[in-house]
Amino acid sequence: MSRAMPLIEIRRHAERADPKNNQGSLSEAGRAMALALAKRAPKFALVLSSPLPRAKETAQLIAGRLDAVDAGLLPEMGGVIGDRIFGEMHTLADWSGVLREREDARAFAAEQLQTWARIAERVSDRERVLAVSHGGIIELPALALAQRLGTRLEGRAFGYGEGVLVTYASGVPVKIEPLRV
């Protein structure tokens, strides 16, 4: 029998009502998506989000609660995507190119993976975490981890409500799977 290990579900927030308002709440479609995810969501031992309202609202709707805000889920990306425009990063291959070309993108990914490991340490081996973050912030570390584990992540960049499920053993990530809506 395999030993149970902590799982971290790292998801992008649902759609916000006003894309130009960084402090805005979710749209009706975003709320509906989060509630649909809630219907099939497992029990979470810990529910975290970034400090932004759309992430907090998404976590509350999916899990029925928000245990804490974690600023590590909203790190400053700075110029890690170089001269690319965030809205033009449509596929995971686009993000892989950034990771391959830019040392600062690799450093960003490594820092974010440390945040994920720190979160994993907060729960026992039989528990699951929901962590709601943002587009771009999830792709770079997910791709770096997938490469390290020899796992392929392909297709479009993570859309609203999407992300990855990471399994940890003894504080080390051992498996990564995409979460698609």
N, C-alpha and C. Protein backbone atom coordinates (compact mmCIF):
# COMPACT_ATOMS: atom_id res chain seq x y z
N MET A 1 0.84 -1.18 0.00
CA MET A 1 0.00 0.00 0.00
C MET A 1 0.89 1.24 0.00
N SER A 2 0.58 2.20 -0.87
CA SER A 2 1.39 3.41 -0.93
C SER A 2 1.01 4.36 0.20
N ARG A 3 1.99 5.08 0.66
CA ARG A 3 1.79 6.02 1.75
C ARG A 3 1.10 7.28 1.22
N ALA A 4 0.13 7.79 1.97
CA ALA A 4 -0.54 9.03 1.58
C ALA A 4 0.44 10.20 1.71
N MET A 5 0.35 11.14 0.79
CA MET A 5 1.25 12.29 0.78
C MET A 5 0.43 13.56 0.65
N PRO A 6 0.97 14.69 1.13
CA PRO A 6 0.23 15.94 0.97
C PRO A 6 0.11 16.33 -0.50
N LEU A 7 -1.02 16.92 -0.83
CA LEU A 7 -1.30 17.39 -2.18
C LEU A 7 -1.59 18.88 -2.14
N ILE A 8 -1.05 19.61 -3.10
CA ILE A 8 -1.35 21.03 -3.21
C ILE A 8 -1.98 21.27 -4.58
N GLU A 9 -3.18 21.79 -4.55
CA GLU A 9 -3.90 22.20 -5.74
C GLU A 9 -3.64 23.69 -5.90
N ILE A 10 -2.89 24.07 -6.91
CA ILE A 10 -2.57 25.47 -7.15
C ILE A 10 -3.36 25.89 -8.38
N ARG A 11 -4.35 26.75 -8.15
CA ARG A 11 -5.24 27.15 -9.24
C ARG A 11 -5.18 28.66 -9.48
N ARG A 12 -5.42 29.00 -10.73
CA ARG A 12 -5.59 30.41 -11.09
C ARG A 12 -6.99 30.83 -10.64
N HIS A 13 -7.12 32.07 -10.25
CA HIS A 13 -8.42 32.61 -9.87
C HIS A 13 -9.41 32.51 -11.02
N ALA A 14 -10.70 32.63 -10.71
CA ALA A 14 -11.74 32.66 -11.73
C ALA A 14 -11.78 34.05 -12.37
N GLU A 15 -12.57 34.17 -13.43
CA GLU A 15 -12.65 35.43 -14.20
C GLU A 15 -13.14 36.59 -13.33
N ARG A 16 -12.49 37.73 -13.49
CA ARG A 16 -12.92 38.92 -12.75
C ARG A 16 -13.84 39.78 -13.61
N ALA A 17 -14.65 40.57 -12.94
CA ALA A 17 -15.66 41.37 -13.63
C ALA A 17 -15.03 42.44 -14.53
N ASP A 18 -13.98 43.09 -14.04
CA ASP A 18 -13.34 44.16 -14.80
C ASP A 18 -11.85 43.88 -14.90
N PRO A 19 -11.39 43.39 -16.04
CA PRO A 19 -9.97 43.05 -16.19
C PRO A 19 -9.01 44.21 -15.94
N LYS A 20 -9.50 45.45 -16.02
CA LYS A 20 -8.64 46.61 -15.80
C LYS A 20 -8.55 46.99 -14.33
N ASN A 21 -9.41 46.39 -13.49
CA ASN A 21 -9.42 46.71 -12.07
C ASN A 21 -8.74 45.59 -11.29
N ASN A 22 -7.50 45.82 -10.86
CA ASN A 22 -6.73 44.80 -10.16
C ASN A 22 -7.35 44.42 -8.82
N GLN A 23 -8.19 45.28 -8.26
CA GLN A 23 -8.81 45.01 -6.96
C GLN A 23 -10.26 44.55 -7.12
N GLY A 24 -10.68 44.26 -8.35
CA GLY A 24 -12.07 43.91 -8.61
C GLY A 24 -12.45 42.50 -8.19
N SER A 25 -13.75 42.30 -8.08
CA SER A 25 -14.29 40.99 -7.71
C SER A 25 -14.54 40.15 -8.96
N LEU A 26 -15.05 38.96 -8.76
CA LEU A 26 -15.32 38.04 -9.87
C LEU A 26 -16.54 38.47 -10.67
N SER A 27 -16.53 38.09 -11.93
CA SER A 27 -17.71 38.27 -12.79
C SER A 27 -18.74 37.20 -12.44
N GLU A 28 -19.93 37.32 -12.99
CA GLU A 28 -20.95 36.27 -12.80
C GLU A 28 -20.43 34.94 -13.33
N ALA A 29 -19.79 34.98 -14.50
CA ALA A 29 -19.23 33.74 -15.08
C ALA A 29 -18.14 33.17 -14.18
N GLY A 30 -17.32 34.04 -13.60
CA GLY A 30 -16.27 33.60 -12.68
C GLY A 30 -16.84 32.95 -11.43
N ARG A 31 -17.88 33.56 -10.87
CA ARG A 31 -18.53 32.96 -9.69
C ARG A 31 -19.14 31.61 -10.05
N ALA A 32 -19.78 31.53 -11.21
CA ALA A 32 -20.39 30.27 -11.64
C ALA A 32 -19.32 29.18 -11.81
N MET A 33 -18.18 29.54 -12.39
CA MET A 33 -17.09 28.56 -12.56
C MET A 33 -16.59 28.07 -11.21
N ALA A 34 -16.35 28.99 -10.28
CA ALA A 34 -15.85 28.61 -8.96
C ALA A 34 -16.85 27.71 -8.24
N LEU A 35 -18.13 28.02 -8.36
CA LEU A 35 -19.16 27.17 -7.73
C LEU A 35 -19.22 25.79 -8.38
N ALA A 36 -19.02 25.73 -9.70
CA ALA A 36 -18.98 24.42 -10.38
C ALA A 36 -17.78 23.61 -9.90
N LEU A 37 -16.63 24.27 -9.72
CA LEU A 37 -15.45 23.58 -9.19
C LEU A 37 -15.72 23.10 -7.76
N ALA A 38 -16.46 23.87 -7.00
CA ALA A 38 -16.78 23.50 -5.61
C ALA A 38 -17.57 22.21 -5.54
N LYS A 39 -18.43 21.99 -6.51
CA LYS A 39 -19.28 20.78 -6.50
C LYS A 39 -18.47 19.50 -6.60
N ARG A 40 -17.29 19.57 -7.22
CA ARG A 40 -16.47 18.36 -7.34
C ARG A 40 -15.17 18.46 -6.55
N ALA A 41 -15.06 19.47 -5.71
CA ALA A 41 -13.84 19.67 -4.93
C ALA A 41 -13.75 18.68 -3.77
N PRO A 42 -12.56 18.21 -3.50
CA PRO A 42 -12.35 17.36 -2.33
C PRO A 42 -12.35 18.22 -1.07
N LYS A 43 -12.21 17.59 0.06
CA LYS A 43 -12.08 18.33 1.32
C LYS A 43 -10.66 18.89 1.40
N PHE A 44 -10.55 20.14 1.77
CA PHE A 44 -9.24 20.79 1.90
C PHE A 44 -8.91 21.00 3.37
N ALA A 45 -7.71 20.64 3.76
CA ALA A 45 -7.24 20.87 5.13
C ALA A 45 -6.83 22.33 5.32
N LEU A 46 -6.41 22.97 4.23
CA LEU A 46 -5.93 24.34 4.28
C LEU A 46 -6.31 25.03 2.99
N VAL A 47 -6.84 26.25 3.11
CA VAL A 47 -7.26 27.03 1.94
C VAL A 47 -6.56 28.39 2.01
N LEU A 48 -5.74 28.66 0.99
CA LEU A 48 -4.95 29.89 0.93
C LEU A 48 -5.23 30.61 -0.38
N SER A 49 -4.96 31.90 -0.38
CA SER A 49 -5.03 32.65 -1.64
C SER A 49 -4.03 33.79 -1.59
N SER A 50 -3.83 34.39 -2.76
CA SER A 50 -3.06 35.62 -2.82
C SER A 50 -3.90 36.72 -2.16
N PRO A 51 -3.31 37.88 -1.92
CA PRO A 51 -4.05 38.97 -1.28
C PRO A 51 -5.12 39.64 -2.15
N LEU A 52 -5.13 39.40 -3.46
CA LEU A 52 -6.06 40.10 -4.33
C LEU A 52 -7.49 39.57 -4.19
N PRO A 53 -8.48 40.46 -4.26
CA PRO A 53 -9.87 40.06 -4.05
C PRO A 53 -10.35 38.91 -4.93
N ARG A 54 -9.94 38.89 -6.20
CA ARG A 54 -10.42 37.82 -7.09
C ARG A 54 -9.92 36.45 -6.65
N ALA A 55 -8.71 36.38 -6.10
CA ALA A 55 -8.16 35.11 -5.61
C ALA A 55 -8.87 34.70 -4.32
N LYS A 56 -9.08 35.65 -3.42
CA LYS A 56 -9.76 35.35 -2.16
C LYS A 56 -11.18 34.86 -2.42
N GLU A 57 -11.89 35.54 -3.31
CA GLU A 57 -13.27 35.15 -3.63
C GLU A 57 -13.31 33.77 -4.28
N THR A 58 -12.38 33.49 -5.18
CA THR A 58 -12.33 32.17 -5.83
C THR A 58 -12.12 31.08 -4.78
N ALA A 59 -11.17 31.26 -3.88
CA ALA A 59 -10.91 30.26 -2.84
C ALA A 59 -12.14 30.04 -1.97
N GLN A 60 -12.79 31.13 -1.56
CA GLN A 60 -13.97 31.02 -0.70
C GLN A 60 -15.10 30.27 -1.40
N LEU A 61 -15.28 30.52 -2.68
CA LEU A 61 -16.36 29.85 -3.41
C LEU A 61 -16.05 28.37 -3.64
N ILE A 62 -14.81 28.04 -3.96
CA ILE A 62 -14.46 26.64 -4.20
C ILE A 62 -14.50 25.83 -2.91
N ALA A 63 -13.90 26.35 -1.86
CA ALA A 63 -13.73 25.57 -0.62
C ALA A 63 -14.75 25.90 0.47
N GLY A 64 -15.50 26.97 0.29
CA GLY A 64 -16.45 27.36 1.32
C GLY A 64 -15.82 28.15 2.45
N ARG A 65 -14.53 28.45 2.31
CA ARG A 65 -13.82 29.22 3.33
C ARG A 65 -12.47 29.66 2.78
N LEU A 66 -11.84 30.58 3.52
CA LEU A 66 -10.47 30.99 3.24
C LEU A 66 -9.77 31.04 4.58
N ASP A 67 -8.75 30.20 4.76
CA ASP A 67 -8.05 30.12 6.04
C ASP A 67 -7.02 31.23 6.21
N ALA A 68 -6.35 31.61 5.13
CA ALA A 68 -5.32 32.64 5.24
C ALA A 68 -4.98 33.18 3.87
N VAL A 69 -4.45 34.40 3.88
CA VAL A 69 -3.89 35.01 2.68
C VAL A 69 -2.39 34.79 2.76
N ASP A 70 -1.79 34.40 1.65
CA ASP A 70 -0.35 34.16 1.60
C ASP A 70 0.24 35.04 0.51
N ALA A 71 0.98 36.06 0.92
CA ALA A 71 1.58 36.99 -0.04
C ALA A 71 2.53 36.29 -1.00
N GLY A 72 3.05 35.12 -0.62
CA GLY A 72 3.93 34.35 -1.50
C GLY A 72 3.24 33.88 -2.76
N LEU A 73 1.90 33.88 -2.77
CA LEU A 73 1.14 33.48 -3.96
C LEU A 73 0.94 34.65 -4.92
N LEU A 74 1.48 35.82 -4.57
CA LEU A 74 1.43 36.99 -5.45
C LEU A 74 2.80 37.68 -5.45
N PRO A 75 3.83 36.97 -5.90
CA PRO A 75 5.17 37.57 -5.92
C PRO A 75 5.28 38.58 -7.04
N GLU A 76 6.22 39.48 -6.91
CA GLU A 76 6.50 40.45 -7.96
C GLU A 76 7.23 39.72 -9.09
N MET A 77 6.66 39.76 -10.28
CA MET A 77 7.29 39.08 -11.42
C MET A 77 8.37 39.93 -12.07
N GLY A 78 8.32 41.23 -11.85
CA GLY A 78 9.32 42.08 -12.48
C GLY A 78 9.33 41.90 -13.98
N GLY A 79 10.49 41.79 -14.56
CA GLY A 79 10.61 41.66 -16.00
C GLY A 79 10.91 40.24 -16.47
N VAL A 80 10.46 39.24 -15.70
CA VAL A 80 10.87 37.86 -16.02
C VAL A 80 10.39 37.36 -17.37
N ILE A 81 9.39 38.02 -17.97
CA ILE A 81 8.99 37.55 -19.30
C ILE A 81 9.64 38.40 -20.40
N GLY A 82 10.57 39.26 -19.98
CA GLY A 82 11.33 40.04 -20.96
C GLY A 82 10.45 40.99 -21.75
N ASP A 83 10.63 41.02 -23.06
CA ASP A 83 9.88 41.95 -23.89
C ASP A 83 8.55 41.37 -24.38
N ARG A 84 8.20 40.20 -23.89
CA ARG A 84 6.92 39.61 -24.27
C ARG A 84 5.79 40.32 -23.54
N ILE A 85 4.61 40.26 -24.11
CA ILE A 85 3.42 40.85 -23.49
C ILE A 85 2.64 39.72 -22.85
N PHE A 86 2.30 39.90 -21.57
CA PHE A 86 1.64 38.83 -20.81
C PHE A 86 0.45 38.23 -21.58
N GLY A 87 -0.38 39.06 -22.16
CA GLY A 87 -1.57 38.58 -22.88
C GLY A 87 -1.25 37.79 -24.13
N GLU A 88 0.00 37.79 -24.55
CA GLU A 88 0.39 37.02 -25.74
C GLU A 88 0.99 35.66 -25.38
N MET A 89 1.00 35.34 -24.11
CA MET A 89 1.53 34.06 -23.65
C MET A 89 0.37 33.06 -23.63
N HIS A 90 0.06 32.47 -24.79
CA HIS A 90 -1.13 31.65 -24.94
C HIS A 90 -0.94 30.17 -24.61
N THR A 91 0.28 29.68 -24.73
CA THR A 91 0.50 28.25 -24.53
C THR A 91 1.59 28.00 -23.48
N LEU A 92 1.61 26.78 -22.98
CA LEU A 92 2.69 26.41 -22.06
C LEU A 92 4.03 26.42 -22.79
N ALA A 93 4.03 26.17 -24.10
CA ALA A 93 5.27 26.26 -24.88
C ALA A 93 5.80 27.70 -24.88
N ASP A 94 4.90 28.70 -24.93
CA ASP A 94 5.33 30.10 -24.83
C ASP A 94 6.06 30.33 -23.51
N TRP A 95 5.47 29.84 -22.41
CA TRP A 95 6.08 30.00 -21.09
C TRP A 95 7.38 29.20 -20.99
N SER A 96 7.43 28.03 -21.61
CA SER A 96 8.67 27.22 -21.61
C SER A 96 9.81 27.97 -22.29
N GLY A 97 9.47 28.69 -23.35
CA GLY A 97 10.49 29.49 -24.05
C GLY A 97 11.09 30.54 -23.13
N VAL A 98 10.26 31.19 -22.34
CA VAL A 98 10.74 32.19 -21.39
C VAL A 98 11.65 31.52 -20.37
N LEU A 99 11.22 30.38 -19.86
CA LEU A 99 11.99 29.66 -18.86
C LEU A 99 13.36 29.25 -19.42
N ARG A 100 13.37 28.82 -20.66
CA ARG A 100 14.61 28.38 -21.30
C ARG A 100 15.55 29.56 -21.55
N GLU A 101 15.00 30.71 -21.91
CA GLU A 101 15.81 31.85 -22.34
C GLU A 101 16.28 32.77 -21.22
N ARG A 102 15.56 32.80 -20.11
CA ARG A 102 15.82 33.86 -19.13
C ARG A 102 16.17 33.32 -17.75
N GLU A 103 17.34 33.72 -17.28
CA GLU A 103 17.79 33.32 -15.94
C GLU A 103 16.85 33.86 -14.86
N ASP A 104 16.36 35.09 -15.03
CA ASP A 104 15.45 35.65 -14.02
C ASP A 104 14.14 34.88 -13.96
N ALA A 105 13.69 34.31 -15.07
CA ALA A 105 12.49 33.48 -15.07
C ALA A 105 12.75 32.18 -14.31
N ARG A 106 13.94 31.60 -14.49
CA ARG A 106 14.29 30.38 -13.76
C ARG A 106 14.40 30.67 -12.26
N ALA A 107 14.96 31.83 -11.91
CA ALA A 107 15.06 32.21 -10.49
C ALA A 107 13.66 32.43 -9.90
N PHE A 108 12.79 33.09 -10.66
CA PHE A 108 11.41 33.29 -10.21
C PHE A 108 10.73 31.94 -9.96
N ALA A 109 10.88 31.00 -10.90
CA ALA A 109 10.28 29.68 -10.76
C ALA A 109 10.80 28.98 -9.50
N ALA A 110 12.10 29.06 -9.27
CA ALA A 110 12.69 28.41 -8.09
C ALA A 110 12.15 29.02 -6.80
N GLU A 111 12.01 30.34 -6.77
CA GLU A 111 11.46 31.01 -5.58
C GLU A 111 10.01 30.59 -5.34
N GLN A 112 9.24 30.50 -6.41
CA GLN A 112 7.84 30.12 -6.26
C GLN A 112 7.71 28.65 -5.84
N LEU A 113 8.61 27.80 -6.32
CA LEU A 113 8.61 26.39 -5.87
C LEU A 113 8.93 26.30 -4.39
N GLN A 114 9.76 27.19 -3.87
CA GLN A 114 10.03 27.23 -2.43
C GLN A 114 8.76 27.62 -1.67
N THR A 115 7.99 28.54 -2.22
CA THR A 115 6.71 28.92 -1.60
C THR A 115 5.78 27.71 -1.56
N TRP A 116 5.71 26.98 -2.66
CA TRP A 116 4.83 25.80 -2.70
C TRP A 116 5.29 24.77 -1.67
N ALA A 117 6.59 24.54 -1.54
CA ALA A 117 7.12 23.58 -0.56
C ALA A 117 6.81 24.04 0.87
N ARG A 118 6.95 25.33 1.11
CA ARG A 118 6.62 25.87 2.44
C ARG A 118 5.14 25.63 2.77
N ILE A 119 4.28 25.79 1.78
CA ILE A 119 2.86 25.53 1.98
C ILE A 119 2.63 24.05 2.26
N ALA A 120 3.31 23.18 1.53
CA ALA A 120 3.16 21.72 1.72
C ALA A 120 3.54 21.31 3.14
N GLU A 121 4.51 22.00 3.72
CA GLU A 121 4.95 21.68 5.08
C GLU A 121 3.90 22.00 6.14
N ARG A 122 2.89 22.75 5.77
CA ARG A 122 1.87 23.17 6.74
C ARG A 122 0.78 22.12 6.96
N VAL A 123 0.79 21.04 6.16
CA VAL A 123 -0.24 20.01 6.30
C VAL A 123 0.40 18.64 6.47
N SER A 124 -0.40 17.71 6.95
CA SER A 124 0.11 16.35 7.15
C SER A 124 0.09 15.57 5.85
N ASP A 125 0.60 14.36 5.93
CA ASP A 125 0.70 13.51 4.74
C ASP A 125 -0.63 13.06 4.17
N ARG A 126 -1.70 13.27 4.87
CA ARG A 126 -3.00 12.84 4.36
C ARG A 126 -3.90 14.01 3.98
N GLU A 127 -3.32 15.18 3.84
CA GLU A 127 -4.15 16.37 3.64
C GLU A 127 -3.89 17.04 2.29
N ARG A 128 -4.88 17.86 1.92
CA ARG A 128 -4.86 18.55 0.63
C ARG A 128 -5.03 20.05 0.87
N VAL A 129 -4.29 20.83 0.10
CA VAL A 129 -4.32 22.29 0.18
C VAL A 129 -4.92 22.84 -1.11
N LEU A 130 -5.74 23.89 -0.99
CA LEU A 130 -6.13 24.69 -2.15
C LEU A 130 -5.39 26.01 -2.02
N ALA A 131 -4.62 26.37 -3.04
CA ALA A 131 -3.90 27.65 -3.07
C ALA A 131 -4.30 28.35 -4.36
N VAL A 132 -4.91 29.53 -4.24
CA VAL A 132 -5.37 30.26 -5.42
C VAL A 132 -4.41 31.41 -5.70
N SER A 133 -3.89 31.41 -6.93
CA SER A 133 -2.88 32.38 -7.34
C SER A 133 -3.31 33.02 -8.66
N HIS A 134 -2.36 33.24 -9.56
CA HIS A 134 -2.63 34.03 -10.77
C HIS A 134 -1.91 33.45 -11.98
N GLY A 135 -2.44 33.77 -13.15
CA GLY A 135 -1.80 33.37 -14.40
C GLY A 135 -0.39 33.90 -14.49
N GLY A 136 0.49 33.11 -15.05
CA GLY A 136 1.90 33.49 -15.16
C GLY A 136 2.68 33.08 -13.93
N ILE A 137 2.10 33.33 -12.78
CA ILE A 137 2.76 32.95 -11.53
C ILE A 137 2.77 31.44 -11.37
N ILE A 138 1.79 30.76 -11.94
CA ILE A 138 1.72 29.30 -11.84
C ILE A 138 2.54 28.62 -12.94
N GLU A 139 2.49 29.14 -14.16
CA GLU A 139 3.12 28.45 -15.29
C GLU A 139 4.62 28.23 -15.14
N LEU A 140 5.34 29.27 -14.78
CA LEU A 140 6.80 29.14 -14.72
C LEU A 140 7.27 28.07 -13.72
N PRO A 141 6.81 28.10 -12.46
CA PRO A 141 7.26 27.05 -11.55
C PRO A 141 6.72 25.67 -11.93
N ALA A 142 5.50 25.62 -12.46
CA ALA A 142 4.94 24.32 -12.86
C ALA A 142 5.79 23.69 -13.96
N LEU A 143 6.19 24.48 -14.93
CA LEU A 143 7.02 23.95 -16.01
C LEU A 143 8.41 23.57 -15.53
N ALA A 144 8.98 24.37 -14.64
CA ALA A 144 10.30 24.03 -14.10
C ALA A 144 10.23 22.72 -13.32
N LEU A 145 9.19 22.55 -12.52
CA LEU A 145 9.03 21.32 -11.76
C LEU A 145 8.77 20.13 -12.68
N ALA A 146 7.91 20.31 -13.66
CA ALA A 146 7.63 19.22 -14.61
C ALA A 146 8.91 18.77 -15.30
N GLN A 147 9.73 19.71 -15.69
CA GLN A 147 11.00 19.37 -16.34
C GLN A 147 11.88 18.56 -15.39
N ARG A 148 11.97 19.01 -14.15
CA ARG A 148 12.78 18.31 -13.15
C ARG A 148 12.27 16.88 -12.92
N LEU A 149 10.95 16.70 -12.95
CA LEU A 149 10.36 15.38 -12.69
C LEU A 149 10.23 14.52 -13.95
N GLY A 150 10.58 15.08 -15.10
CA GLY A 150 10.46 14.33 -16.35
C GLY A 150 9.01 14.16 -16.80
N THR A 151 8.16 15.12 -16.46
CA THR A 151 6.74 15.10 -16.81
C THR A 151 6.48 16.16 -17.87
N ARG A 152 5.65 15.84 -18.83
CA ARG A 152 5.32 16.80 -19.88
C ARG A 152 4.06 17.57 -19.50
N LEU A 153 4.13 18.88 -19.53
CA LEU A 153 2.96 19.75 -19.42
C LEU A 153 2.83 20.45 -20.76
N GLU A 154 1.69 20.28 -21.41
CA GLU A 154 1.51 20.83 -22.76
C GLU A 154 0.15 21.50 -22.88
N GLY A 155 -0.02 22.16 -24.01
CA GLY A 155 -1.31 22.77 -24.32
C GLY A 155 -1.33 24.25 -24.01
N ARG A 156 -2.53 24.75 -23.86
CA ARG A 156 -2.71 26.18 -23.63
C ARG A 156 -2.21 26.57 -22.23
N ALA A 157 -1.92 27.83 -22.04
CA ALA A 157 -1.57 28.34 -20.71
C ALA A 157 -2.77 28.12 -19.80
N PHE A 158 -2.55 28.13 -18.50
CA PHE A 158 -3.64 27.85 -17.57
C PHE A 158 -4.66 28.97 -17.59
N GLY A 159 -5.90 28.59 -17.87
CA GLY A 159 -7.00 29.54 -17.88
C GLY A 159 -7.59 29.70 -16.50
N TYR A 160 -8.66 30.45 -16.43
CA TYR A 160 -9.35 30.67 -15.16
C TYR A 160 -9.71 29.33 -14.51
N GLY A 161 -9.41 29.21 -13.23
CA GLY A 161 -9.74 28.01 -12.46
C GLY A 161 -8.80 26.84 -12.70
N GLU A 162 -7.84 26.98 -13.58
CA GLU A 162 -6.93 25.88 -13.90
C GLU A 162 -5.61 26.03 -13.15
N GLY A 163 -4.80 24.98 -13.22
CA GLY A 163 -3.50 25.02 -12.56
C GLY A 163 -2.89 23.65 -12.51
N VAL A 164 -2.28 23.33 -11.37
CA VAL A 164 -1.60 22.05 -11.21
C VAL A 164 -1.89 21.44 -9.84
N LEU A 165 -1.77 20.14 -9.80
CA LEU A 165 -1.83 19.37 -8.55
C LEU A 165 -0.44 18.80 -8.33
N VAL A 166 0.17 19.17 -7.19
CA VAL A 166 1.52 18.73 -6.87
C VAL A 166 1.47 17.83 -5.65
N THR A 167 2.10 16.66 -5.77
CA THR A 167 2.19 15.70 -4.67
C THR A 167 3.59 15.79 -4.06
N TYR A 168 3.63 15.85 -2.73
CA TYR A 168 4.90 15.97 -2.00
C TYR A 168 5.14 14.71 -1.17
N ALA A 169 6.40 14.35 -1.02
CA ALA A 169 6.82 13.27 -0.12
C ALA A 169 8.04 13.77 0.63
N SER A 170 7.97 13.78 1.93
CA SER A 170 9.08 14.27 2.77
C SER A 170 9.53 15.67 2.36
N GLY A 171 8.56 16.53 2.04
CA GLY A 171 8.86 17.91 1.68
C GLY A 171 9.35 18.13 0.27
N VAL A 172 9.39 17.09 -0.54
CA VAL A 172 9.91 17.17 -1.90
C VAL A 172 8.79 16.86 -2.89
N PRO A 173 8.61 17.67 -3.94
CA PRO A 173 7.59 17.35 -4.94
C PRO A 173 7.99 16.11 -5.73
N VAL A 174 7.04 15.18 -5.85
CA VAL A 174 7.33 13.92 -6.55
C VAL A 174 6.43 13.70 -7.77
N LYS A 175 5.39 14.52 -7.90
CA LYS A 175 4.46 14.35 -9.02
C LYS A 175 3.76 15.68 -9.29
N ILE A 176 3.53 15.97 -10.57
CA ILE A 176 2.77 17.16 -10.97
C ILE A 176 1.80 16.76 -12.07
N GLU A 177 0.57 17.25 -11.94
CA GLU A 177 -0.47 16.96 -12.93
C GLU A 177 -1.21 18.26 -13.25
N PRO A 178 -1.59 18.44 -14.51
CA PRO A 178 -2.37 19.63 -14.84
C PRO A 178 -3.80 19.50 -14.32
N LEU A 179 -4.39 20.61 -13.96
CA LEU A 179 -5.79 20.69 -13.57
C LEU A 179 -6.49 21.57 -14.60
N ARG A 180 -7.32 20.99 -15.39
CA ARG A 180 -8.03 21.73 -16.44
C ARG A 180 -9.52 21.80 -16.11
N VAL A 181 -10.16 22.83 -16.61
CA VAL A 181 -11.60 23.01 -16.40
C VAL A 181 -12.33 22.52 -17.62
